[in-house]
Amino acid sequence: MTKVAIGEDNATLRKYLAGLVSNTPDYKCVCVCESAEEAIVEIPKHRPNVVLMDIHLPGESGIVCTARLH
């Protein structure tokens, strides 16, 4: 099972991506975050294999957030 976390500020897109991942065999959406600040706290708790990150998040960018998570 591949665990996926999502960082996306658009609620509609966030919900769509989470559903798409969860409905794909052998993939599970383990975490959805609407900001980089939330992602920094929540994503490490779930230890995903993959993170889908929006690069244009409010506040800290998704690029900086991804670097911090790495």
PDB file of N, CA and C in Angstrom:
ATOM      1  N   MET A   1       0.852  -1.181   0.000  1.00  0.00           N
ATOM      2  CA  MET A   1       0.000   0.000   0.000  1.00  0.00           C
ATOM      3  C   MET A   1       0.897   1.242   0.000  1.00  0.00           C
ATOM      4  N   THR A   2       0.674   2.115  -0.964  1.00  0.00           N
ATOM      5  CA  THR A   2       1.412   3.382  -1.040  1.00  0.00           C
ATOM      6  C   THR A   2       0.600   4.454  -0.331  1.00  0.00           C
ATOM      7  N   LYS A   3       1.199   5.066   0.684  1.00  0.00           N
ATOM      8  CA  LYS A   3       0.528   6.104   1.461  1.00  0.00           C
ATOM      9  C   LYS A   3       0.856   7.473   0.851  1.00  0.00           C
ATOM     10  N   VAL A   4      -0.197   8.285   0.627  1.00  0.00           N
ATOM     11  CA  VAL A   4      -0.050   9.581  -0.025  1.00  0.00           C
ATOM     12  C   VAL A   4      -0.583  10.684   0.885  1.00  0.00           C
ATOM     13  N   ALA A   5       0.169  11.784   0.970  1.00  0.00           N
ATOM     14  CA  ALA A   5      -0.285  12.985   1.677  1.00  0.00           C
ATOM     15  C   ALA A   5      -0.463  14.090   0.638  1.00  0.00           C
ATOM     16  N   ILE A   6      -1.423  14.979   0.896  1.00  0.00           N
ATOM     17  CA  ILE A   6      -1.736  16.054  -0.044  1.00  0.00           C
ATOM     18  C   ILE A   6      -1.656  17.397   0.662  1.00  0.00           C
ATOM     19  N   GLY A   7      -0.962  18.336   0.028  1.00  0.00           N
ATOM     20  CA  GLY A   7      -0.914  19.725   0.494  1.00  0.00           C
ATOM     21  C   GLY A   7      -1.503  20.601  -0.591  1.00  0.00           C
ATOM     22  N   GLU A   8      -2.707  21.102  -0.382  1.00  0.00           N
ATOM     23  CA  GLU A   8      -3.426  21.879  -1.402  1.00  0.00           C
ATOM     24  C   GLU A   8      -4.393  22.843  -0.710  1.00  0.00           C
ATOM     25  N   ASP A   9      -4.341  24.123  -1.083  1.00  0.00           N
ATOM     26  CA  ASP A   9      -5.206  25.096  -0.425  1.00  0.00           C
ATOM     27  C   ASP A   9      -6.604  25.197  -1.036  1.00  0.00           C
ATOM     28  N   ASN A  10      -6.790  24.753  -2.266  1.00  0.00           N
ATOM     29  CA  ASN A  10      -8.101  24.796  -2.910  1.00  0.00           C
ATOM     30  C   ASN A  10      -8.920  23.598  -2.429  1.00  0.00           C
ATOM     31  N   ALA A  11     -10.000  23.877  -1.718  1.00  0.00           N
ATOM     32  CA  ALA A  11     -10.794  22.815  -1.093  1.00  0.00           C
ATOM     33  C   ALA A  11     -11.357  21.822  -2.108  1.00  0.00           C
ATOM     34  N   THR A  12     -11.836  22.314  -3.247  1.00  0.00           N
ATOM     35  CA  THR A  12     -12.409  21.438  -4.269  1.00  0.00           C
ATOM     36  C   THR A  12     -11.348  20.499  -4.833  1.00  0.00           C
ATOM     37  N   LEU A  13     -10.196  21.043  -5.170  1.00  0.00           N
ATOM     38  CA  LEU A  13      -9.111  20.230  -5.716  1.00  0.00           C
ATOM     39  C   LEU A  13      -8.576  19.258  -4.670  1.00  0.00           C
ATOM     40  N   ARG A  14      -8.467  19.722  -3.425  1.00  0.00           N
ATOM     41  CA  ARG A  14      -7.986  18.875  -2.324  1.00  0.00           C
ATOM     42  C   ARG A  14      -8.897  17.661  -2.169  1.00  0.00           C
ATOM     43  N   LYS A  15     -10.197  17.885  -2.181  1.00  0.00           N
ATOM     44  CA  LYS A  15     -11.165  16.797  -2.038  1.00  0.00           C
ATOM     45  C   LYS A  15     -11.099  15.852  -3.236  1.00  0.00           C
ATOM     46  N   TYR A  16     -10.973  16.406  -4.439  1.00  0.00           N
ATOM     47  CA  TYR A  16     -10.880  15.590  -5.650  1.00  0.00           C
ATOM     48  C   TYR A  16      -9.638  14.695  -5.617  1.00  0.00           C
ATOM     49  N   LEU A  17      -8.490  15.286  -5.294  1.00  0.00           N
ATOM     50  CA  LEU A  17      -7.248  14.512  -5.252  1.00  0.00           C
ATOM     51  C   LEU A  17      -7.300  13.416  -4.192  1.00  0.00           C
ATOM     52  N   ALA A  18      -7.835  13.737  -3.030  1.00  0.00           N
ATOM     53  CA  ALA A  18      -7.950  12.736  -1.959  1.00  0.00           C
ATOM     54  C   ALA A  18      -8.832  11.575  -2.410  1.00  0.00           C
ATOM     55  N   GLY A  19      -9.938  11.878  -3.078  1.00  0.00           N
ATOM     56  CA  GLY A  19     -10.822  10.830  -3.573  1.00  0.00           C
ATOM     57  C   GLY A  19     -10.165  10.001  -4.665  1.00  0.00           C
ATOM     58  N   LEU A  20      -9.467  10.670  -5.561  1.00  0.00           N
ATOM     59  CA  LEU A  20      -8.780   9.977  -6.646  1.00  0.00           C
ATOM     60  C   LEU A  20      -7.742   9.004  -6.103  1.00  0.00           C
ATOM     61  N   VAL A  21      -6.954   9.474  -5.153  1.00  0.00           N
ATOM     62  CA  VAL A  21      -5.920   8.616  -4.552  1.00  0.00           C
ATOM     63  C   VAL A  21      -6.566   7.446  -3.810  1.00  0.00           C
ATOM     64  N   SER A  22      -7.556   7.743  -2.995  1.00  0.00           N
ATOM     65  CA  SER A  22      -8.188   6.696  -2.177  1.00  0.00           C
ATOM     66  C   SER A  22      -8.917   5.651  -3.009  1.00  0.00           C
ATOM     67  N   ASN A  23      -9.375   6.036  -4.202  1.00  0.00           N
ATOM     68  CA  ASN A  23     -10.097   5.093  -5.066  1.00  0.00           C
ATOM     69  C   ASN A  23      -9.183   4.371  -6.053  1.00  0.00           C
ATOM     70  N   THR A  24      -7.888   4.551  -5.928  1.00  0.00           N
ATOM     71  CA  THR A  24      -6.922   3.871  -6.774  1.00  0.00           C
ATOM     72  C   THR A  24      -6.384   2.657  -6.009  1.00  0.00           C
ATOM     73  N   PRO A  25      -6.452   1.478  -6.627  1.00  0.00           N
ATOM     74  CA  PRO A  25      -5.963   0.276  -5.932  1.00  0.00           C
ATOM     75  C   PRO A  25      -4.520   0.438  -5.458  1.00  0.00           C
ATOM     76  N   ASP A  26      -4.271  -0.028  -4.262  1.00  0.00           N
ATOM     77  CA  ASP A  26      -2.947  -0.036  -3.631  1.00  0.00           C
ATOM     78  C   ASP A  26      -2.445   1.352  -3.223  1.00  0.00           C
ATOM     79  N   TYR A  27      -3.314   2.358  -3.203  1.00  0.00           N
ATOM     80  CA  TYR A  27      -2.957   3.700  -2.735  1.00  0.00           C
ATOM     81  C   TYR A  27      -3.945   4.129  -1.666  1.00  0.00           C
ATOM     82  N   LYS A  28      -3.446   4.883  -0.696  1.00  0.00           N
ATOM     83  CA  LYS A  28      -4.312   5.376   0.370  1.00  0.00           C
ATOM     84  C   LYS A  28      -3.910   6.810   0.700  1.00  0.00           C
ATOM     85  N   CYS A  29      -4.892   7.713   0.731  1.00  0.00           N
ATOM     86  CA  CYS A  29      -4.639   9.084   1.147  1.00  0.00           C
ATOM     87  C   CYS A  29      -4.647   9.105   2.677  1.00  0.00           C
ATOM     88  N   VAL A  30      -3.499   9.425   3.269  1.00  0.00           N
ATOM     89  CA  VAL A  30      -3.381   9.360   4.721  1.00  0.00           C
ATOM     90  C   VAL A  30      -3.447  10.725   5.392  1.00  0.00           C
ATOM     91  N   CYS A  31      -3.363  11.808   4.590  1.00  0.00           N
ATOM     92  CA  CYS A  31      -3.322  13.137   5.188  1.00  0.00           C
ATOM     93  C   CYS A  31      -3.623  14.187   4.126  1.00  0.00           C
ATOM     94  N   VAL A  32      -4.486  15.152   4.456  1.00  0.00           N
ATOM     95  CA  VAL A  32      -4.731  16.300   3.584  1.00  0.00           C
ATOM     96  C   VAL A  32      -4.523  17.573   4.395  1.00  0.00           C
ATOM     97  N   CYS A  33      -3.789  18.517   3.812  1.00  0.00           N
ATOM     98  CA  CYS A  33      -3.463  19.760   4.503  1.00  0.00           C
ATOM     99  C   CYS A  33      -3.751  20.948   3.593  1.00  0.00           C
ATOM    100  N   GLU A  34      -4.227  22.043   4.174  1.00  0.00           N
ATOM    101  CA  GLU A  34      -4.550  23.210   3.364  1.00  0.00           C
ATOM    102  C   GLU A  34      -3.501  24.309   3.433  1.00  0.00           C
ATOM    103  N   SER A  35      -2.462  24.123   4.224  1.00  0.00           N
ATOM    104  CA  SER A  35      -1.395  25.126   4.303  1.00  0.00           C
ATOM    105  C   SER A  35      -0.067  24.428   4.574  1.00  0.00           C
ATOM    106  N   ALA A  36       1.003  25.141   4.273  1.00  0.00           N
ATOM    107  CA  ALA A  36       2.342  24.605   4.547  1.00  0.00           C
ATOM    108  C   ALA A  36       2.551  24.421   6.043  1.00  0.00           C
ATOM    109  N   GLU A  37       2.043  25.362   6.803  1.00  0.00           N
ATOM    110  CA  GLU A  37       2.205  25.286   8.255  1.00  0.00           C
ATOM    111  C   GLU A  37       1.526  24.043   8.820  1.00  0.00           C
ATOM    112  N   GLU A  38       0.350  23.725   8.313  1.00  0.00           N
ATOM    113  CA  GLU A  38      -0.353  22.515   8.742  1.00  0.00           C
ATOM    114  C   GLU A  38       0.404  21.272   8.257  1.00  0.00           C
ATOM    115  N   ALA A  39       0.897  21.316   7.023  1.00  0.00           N
ATOM    116  CA  ALA A  39       1.617  20.177   6.451  1.00  0.00           C
ATOM    117  C   ALA A  39       2.869  19.829   7.243  1.00  0.00           C
ATOM    118  N   ILE A  40       3.608  20.842   7.687  1.00  0.00           N
ATOM    119  CA  ILE A  40       4.839  20.616   8.463  1.00  0.00           C
ATOM    120  C   ILE A  40       4.544  19.847   9.746  1.00  0.00           C
ATOM    121  N   VAL A  41       3.387  20.095  10.336  1.00  0.00           N
ATOM    122  CA  VAL A  41       3.008  19.421  11.584  1.00  0.00           C
ATOM    123  C   VAL A  41       2.395  18.045  11.319  1.00  0.00           C
ATOM    124  N   GLU A  42       1.479  17.966  10.351  1.00  0.00           N
ATOM    125  CA  GLU A  42       0.674  16.762  10.162  1.00  0.00           C
ATOM    126  C   GLU A  42       1.332  15.669   9.313  1.00  0.00           C
ATOM    127  N   ILE A  43       1.995  16.032   8.240  1.00  0.00           N
ATOM    128  CA  ILE A  43       2.520  15.024   7.318  1.00  0.00           C
ATOM    129  C   ILE A  43       3.508  14.068   7.987  1.00  0.00           C
ATOM    130  N   PRO A  44       4.464  14.550   8.768  1.00  0.00           N
ATOM    131  CA  PRO A  44       5.396  13.590   9.402  1.00  0.00           C
ATOM    132  C   PRO A  44       4.710  12.553  10.302  1.00  0.00           C
ATOM    133  N   LYS A  45       3.588  12.902  10.875  1.00  0.00           N
ATOM    134  CA  LYS A  45       2.862  11.963  11.742  1.00  0.00           C
ATOM    135  C   LYS A  45       2.383  10.731  10.971  1.00  0.00           C
ATOM    136  N   HIS A  46       2.107  10.903   9.684  1.00  0.00           N
ATOM    137  CA  HIS A  46       1.512   9.836   8.880  1.00  0.00           C
ATOM    138  C   HIS A  46       2.529   9.067   8.039  1.00  0.00           C
ATOM    139  N   ARG A  47       3.749   9.554   7.981  1.00  0.00           N
ATOM    140  CA  ARG A  47       4.851   8.891   7.279  1.00  0.00           C
ATOM    141  C   ARG A  47       4.457   8.405   5.884  1.00  0.00           C
ATOM    142  N   PRO A  48       4.008   9.320   5.012  1.00  0.00           N
ATOM    143  CA  PRO A  48       3.602   8.904   3.666  1.00  0.00           C
ATOM    144  C   PRO A  48       4.798   8.516   2.801  1.00  0.00           C
ATOM    145  N   ASN A  49       4.517   7.740   1.771  1.00  0.00           N
ATOM    146  CA  ASN A  49       5.531   7.396   0.772  1.00  0.00           C
ATOM    147  C   ASN A  49       5.658   8.505  -0.277  1.00  0.00           C
ATOM    148  N   VAL A  50       4.544   9.214  -0.506  1.00  0.00           N
ATOM    149  CA  VAL A  50       4.470  10.255  -1.538  1.00  0.00           C
ATOM    150  C   VAL A  50       3.736  11.463  -0.970  1.00  0.00           C
ATOM    151  N   VAL A  51       4.203  12.661  -1.345  1.00  0.00           N
ATOM    152  CA  VAL A  51       3.500  13.894  -0.982  1.00  0.00           C
ATOM    153  C   VAL A  51       3.195  14.662  -2.264  1.00  0.00           C
ATOM    154  N   LEU A  52       1.915  14.969  -2.486  1.00  0.00           N
ATOM    155  CA  LEU A  52       1.506  15.837  -3.582  1.00  0.00           C
ATOM    156  C   LEU A  52       1.368  17.236  -3.001  1.00  0.00           C
ATOM    157  N   MET A  53       2.227  18.161  -3.428  1.00  0.00           N
ATOM    158  CA  MET A  53       2.277  19.479  -2.799  1.00  0.00           C
ATOM    159  C   MET A  53       2.028  20.586  -3.818  1.00  0.00           C
ATOM    160  N   ASP A  54       1.066  21.436  -3.529  1.00  0.00           N
ATOM    161  CA  ASP A  54       0.824  22.648  -4.304  1.00  0.00           C
ATOM    162  C   ASP A  54       1.992  23.599  -4.047  1.00  0.00           C
ATOM    163  N   ILE A  55       2.570  24.170  -5.088  1.00  0.00           N
ATOM    164  CA  ILE A  55       3.710  25.063  -4.859  1.00  0.00           C
ATOM    165  C   ILE A  55       3.279  26.472  -4.483  1.00  0.00           C
ATOM    166  N   HIS A  56       1.998  26.816  -4.702  1.00  0.00           N
ATOM    167  CA  HIS A  56       1.498  28.157  -4.394  1.00  0.00           C
ATOM    168  C   HIS A  56       0.539  28.119  -3.199  1.00  0.00           C
ATOM    169  N   LEU A  57       1.035  27.731  -2.058  1.00  0.00           N
ATOM    170  CA  LEU A  57       0.225  27.718  -0.844  1.00  0.00           C
ATOM    171  C   LEU A  57       0.260  29.097  -0.188  1.00  0.00           C
ATOM    172  N   PRO A  58      -0.785  29.449   0.563  1.00  0.00           N
ATOM    173  CA  PRO A  58      -0.747  30.718   1.290  1.00  0.00           C
ATOM    174  C   PRO A  58       0.305  30.648   2.404  1.00  0.00           C
ATOM    175  N   GLY A  59       0.914  31.760   2.712  1.00  0.00           N
ATOM    176  CA  GLY A  59       1.971  31.766   3.721  1.00  0.00           C
ATOM    177  C   GLY A  59       3.232  31.206   3.107  1.00  0.00           C
ATOM    178  N   GLU A  60       3.782  30.187   3.705  1.00  0.00           N
ATOM    179  CA  GLU A  60       4.999  29.556   3.198  1.00  0.00           C
ATOM    180  C   GLU A  60       4.678  28.760   1.924  1.00  0.00           C
ATOM    181  N   SER A  61       5.543  28.822   0.928  1.00  0.00           N
ATOM    182  CA  SER A  61       5.286  28.135  -0.340  1.00  0.00           C
ATOM    183  C   SER A  61       5.413  26.617  -0.185  1.00  0.00           C
ATOM    184  N   GLY A  62       4.802  25.915  -1.127  1.00  0.00           N
ATOM    185  CA  GLY A  62       4.914  24.463  -1.143  1.00  0.00           C
ATOM    186  C   GLY A  62       6.333  23.986  -1.406  1.00  0.00           C
ATOM    187  N   ILE A  63       7.115  24.799  -2.112  1.00  0.00           N
ATOM    188  CA  ILE A  63       8.509  24.449  -2.388  1.00  0.00           C
ATOM    189  C   ILE A  63       9.315  24.454  -1.089  1.00  0.00           C
ATOM    190  N   VAL A  64       9.160  25.509  -0.310  1.00  0.00           N
ATOM    191  CA  VAL A  64       9.865  25.608   0.977  1.00  0.00           C
ATOM    192  C   VAL A  64       9.372  24.510   1.919  1.00  0.00           C
ATOM    193  N   CYS A  65       8.079  24.274   1.917  1.00  0.00           N
ATOM    194  CA  CYS A  65       7.506  23.233   2.780  1.00  0.00           C
ATOM    195  C   CYS A  65       8.077  21.867   2.435  1.00  0.00           C
ATOM    196  N   THR A  66       8.145  21.563   1.140  1.00  0.00           N
ATOM    197  CA  THR A  66       8.690  20.273   0.711  1.00  0.00           C
ATOM    198  C   THR A  66      10.146  20.128   1.128  1.00  0.00           C
ATOM    199  N   ALA A  67      10.906  21.189   0.981  1.00  0.00           N
ATOM    200  CA  ALA A  67      12.318  21.143   1.409  1.00  0.00           C
ATOM    201  C   ALA A  67      12.429  20.888   2.903  1.00  0.00           C
ATOM    202  N   ARG A  68      11.559  21.520   3.682  1.00  0.00           N
ATOM    203  CA  ARG A  68      11.562  21.302   5.140  1.00  0.00           C
ATOM    204  C   ARG A  68      11.158  19.883   5.498  1.00  0.00           C
ATOM    205  N   LEU A  69      10.192  19.318   4.767  1.00  0.00           N
ATOM    206  CA  LEU A  69       9.756  17.953   5.027  1.00  0.00           C
ATOM    207  C   LEU A  69      10.829  16.937   4.666  1.00  0.00           C
ATOM    208  N   HIS A  70      11.572  17.234   3.639  1.00  0.00           N
ATOM    209  CA  HIS A  70      12.610  16.319   3.155  1.00  0.00           C
ATOM    210  C   HIS A  70      13.683  16.168   4.191  1.00  0.00           C
TER     211      HIS A  70
END
